[in-house]
Structures are given as structure tokens and as C-alpha cells.
Amino acid sequence: MSDTALTRLETLALIAIGGFVGSNLRFYAFGALPEELALLTVNVVGSAVLGFLVYEAQYRGRIDPATRIFLTTGFLSSLTTYSGFALQAGTANGPLLFGAVVVGNYALGFAGVFVGRSLARATGGDRS
């Protein structure tokens, strides 16, 4: 097996393992919390962690590429759910709940990214 094929296989394994962990954590959240709150929680927490990790990886180089693939493409992509958000918004019972789902997920998701980035800056000194 060539190094390139082995590297691709390793990448697929990292994504699969991260995805397994993230999707199971999301499943647990949906069992432990009411559905709307669980969706909001996984999306906001995932956005905050993603903001932290991407900032750390891209601007500080503290996260190696394999860990980044495992955590971002695997774990966080499976923890968060755009399709769940779209489904929940599309099946909302009335315009008020629809607005709350859409605004809550988008606004708090963006806020989560900024909080994660700010936390990364605060913990390591800002170089940008």
C-alpha cells in the first residue's frame, strides 16, 4: 500500500471515529434534553468549540492536521446538525417557534464561534 493510500485511509478512519463519537454525543443530548434545546445546545457548543479549534490550528499551529481532521470534520460535524436545524425550523408549529429556532441557532451559533475565538485569544496571547 502506498503512503498516499495509507494516508487517505488514516484520514478516513479519523473522520469515522470522530463522527462516531460526535453523533453518539448528539444522540445522548437529544435523549437528555427537550428536542429544541438539545438541537440548540449541540449547535452552539459545536460552533464555540469549532471557533476555538480553527483559531488555534490556523493562526497558532497548535493543533496538528490529524487532530484537526478528527475534531472538526469528524467529531464536530457529527455533533452539530444543519439538517436537524432545517427540519426543526421547517416543522415548527407557528411563526414564533420558527423564528426562535432560526434566530436562536444562527445568532447563538455565530456568538459561539466568536466566544471560541475569544477564548483561544485569551488563553494564548493574540498574535493576529
Foldseek 3Di string as FASTA:
>chain_A
DDPVVVVVVLLVVLQAVLQVQQQVVLVVLVVVDPNLVSQLVLLLQLLLQVLQVCCCCVVPVPADPSRCSNNNNRNSVNNHDPPSLVVCLVPPDDDVSNVCSVCSNVVSSVVSSVNNNVVNCVVPPDPD
